[in-house]
Protein backbone atom coordinates (compact mmCIF):
# COMPACT_ATOMS: atom_id res chain seq x y z
CA UNK A 1 -72.21 -40.60 -83.52
CA UNK A 2 -71.30 -44.32 -83.31
CA UNK A 3 -69.90 -45.74 -86.60
CA UNK A 4 -72.36 -48.63 -86.99
CA UNK A 5 -75.25 -50.29 -85.21
CA UNK A 6 -75.36 -53.69 -86.93
CA UNK A 7 -73.56 -55.69 -89.58
CA UNK A 8 -74.04 -58.88 -91.59
CA UNK A 9 -72.01 -60.51 -94.32
CA UNK A 10 -72.49 -62.77 -97.30
CA UNK A 11 -69.91 -64.98 -98.97
CA UNK A 12 -71.91 -66.95 -101.53
CA UNK A 13 -71.94 -66.26 -105.24
CA UNK A 14 -69.89 -63.77 -107.20
CA UNK A 15 -68.98 -61.43 -104.36
CA UNK A 16 -68.07 -61.15 -100.70
CA UNK A 17 -70.40 -58.54 -99.21
CA UNK A 18 -70.53 -56.74 -95.89
CA UNK A 19 -73.69 -54.86 -94.92
CA UNK A 20 -73.76 -52.30 -92.15
CA UNK A 21 -76.29 -49.77 -90.94
CA UNK A 22 -75.49 -46.43 -89.38
CA UNK A 23 -77.51 -44.92 -86.52
CA UNK A 24 -79.67 -42.92 -88.96
CA UNK A 25 -80.78 -46.11 -90.72
CA UNK A 26 -78.62 -45.79 -93.84
CA UNK A 27 -77.62 -49.27 -95.05
CA UNK A 28 -74.16 -49.53 -96.61
CA UNK A 29 -72.91 -52.49 -98.67
CA UNK A 30 -69.17 -53.06 -99.15
CA UNK A 31 -68.39 -55.54 -101.95
CA UNK A 32 -65.30 -57.29 -103.29
CA UNK A 33 -65.29 -59.70 -106.22
CA UNK A 34 -64.71 -63.29 -105.15
CA UNK A 35 -63.23 -64.55 -108.43
CA UNK A 36 -60.29 -63.18 -110.38
CA UNK A 37 -60.85 -62.85 -114.13
CA UNK A 38 -59.94 -60.23 -116.75
CA UNK A 39 -61.96 -57.03 -116.46
CA UNK A 40 -62.74 -57.08 -120.18
CA UNK A 41 -64.54 -60.44 -119.71
CA UNK A 42 -66.59 -59.35 -116.67
CA UNK A 43 -69.85 -58.91 -118.61
CA UNK A 44 -69.43 -62.25 -120.36
CA UNK A 45 -68.70 -64.11 -117.10
CA UNK A 46 -71.57 -62.55 -115.15
CA UNK A 47 -74.06 -63.00 -118.01
CA UNK A 48 -73.19 -66.70 -118.31
CA UNK A 49 -73.36 -67.18 -114.53
CA UNK A 50 -76.79 -65.50 -114.56
CA UNK A 51 -77.92 -67.78 -117.40
CA UNK A 52 -76.85 -70.82 -115.35
CA UNK A 53 -78.71 -69.44 -112.32
CA UNK A 54 -81.92 -69.05 -114.36
CA UNK A 55 -81.57 -72.57 -115.78
CA UNK A 56 -81.11 -73.87 -112.24
CA UNK A 57 -84.11 -71.93 -110.91
CA UNK A 58 -82.04 -70.35 -108.14
CA UNK A 59 -82.87 -66.99 -106.62
CA UNK A 60 -79.33 -65.64 -106.96
CA UNK A 61 -75.99 -66.47 -108.58
CA UNK A 62 -74.12 -68.90 -106.32
CA UNK A 63 -70.60 -70.33 -106.37
CA UNK A 64 -71.66 -73.27 -108.54
CA UNK A 65 -72.95 -70.90 -111.24
CA UNK A 66 -69.83 -68.73 -111.16
CA UNK A 67 -67.49 -71.73 -111.25
CA UNK A 68 -69.41 -73.38 -114.11
CA UNK A 69 -69.36 -70.14 -116.11
CA UNK A 70 -65.65 -69.60 -115.54
CA UNK A 71 -64.82 -73.20 -116.47
CA UNK A 72 -66.93 -72.98 -119.63
CA UNK A 73 -65.08 -69.81 -120.65
CA UNK A 74 -61.67 -71.39 -119.94
CA UNK A 75 -60.96 -69.20 -116.89
CA UNK A 76 -59.77 -70.13 -113.40
CA UNK A 77 -62.84 -71.23 -111.38
CA UNK A 78 -61.15 -71.03 -107.96
CA UNK A 79 -62.09 -68.18 -105.61
CA UNK A 80 -59.25 -65.69 -105.20
CA UNK A 81 -59.51 -65.93 -101.41
CA UNK A 82 -61.60 -67.68 -98.82
CA UNK A 83 -62.22 -66.72 -95.26
CA UNK A 84 -63.59 -68.37 -92.21
CA UNK A 85 -64.40 -65.29 -90.14
CA UNK A 86 -67.64 -65.34 -88.17
CA UNK A 87 -70.63 -63.69 -89.87
CA UNK A 88 -73.96 -62.28 -88.85
CA UNK A 89 -75.41 -59.39 -86.92
CA UNK A 90 -73.54 -58.51 -83.77
CA UNK A 91 -70.24 -60.10 -84.80
């Protein structure tokens, strides 16, 4: 059985995500957090980022919401790593 049939990725918002689908149709999402902040503040950070997303009328939490939340809470707003790898199905 081949390992995957398609893949896409997403780099906006709170996470870097990779989606893949196996030959049986099962979709798998692999996720890594994009920002580094203390685990005990995770709920606080994500709740504030969500609040900023709602105020903005956006459909999902984006980098601007995460960075604004982190800054407001006195945490480092810089992503822990950035990549420039190609994305999309068939890559």
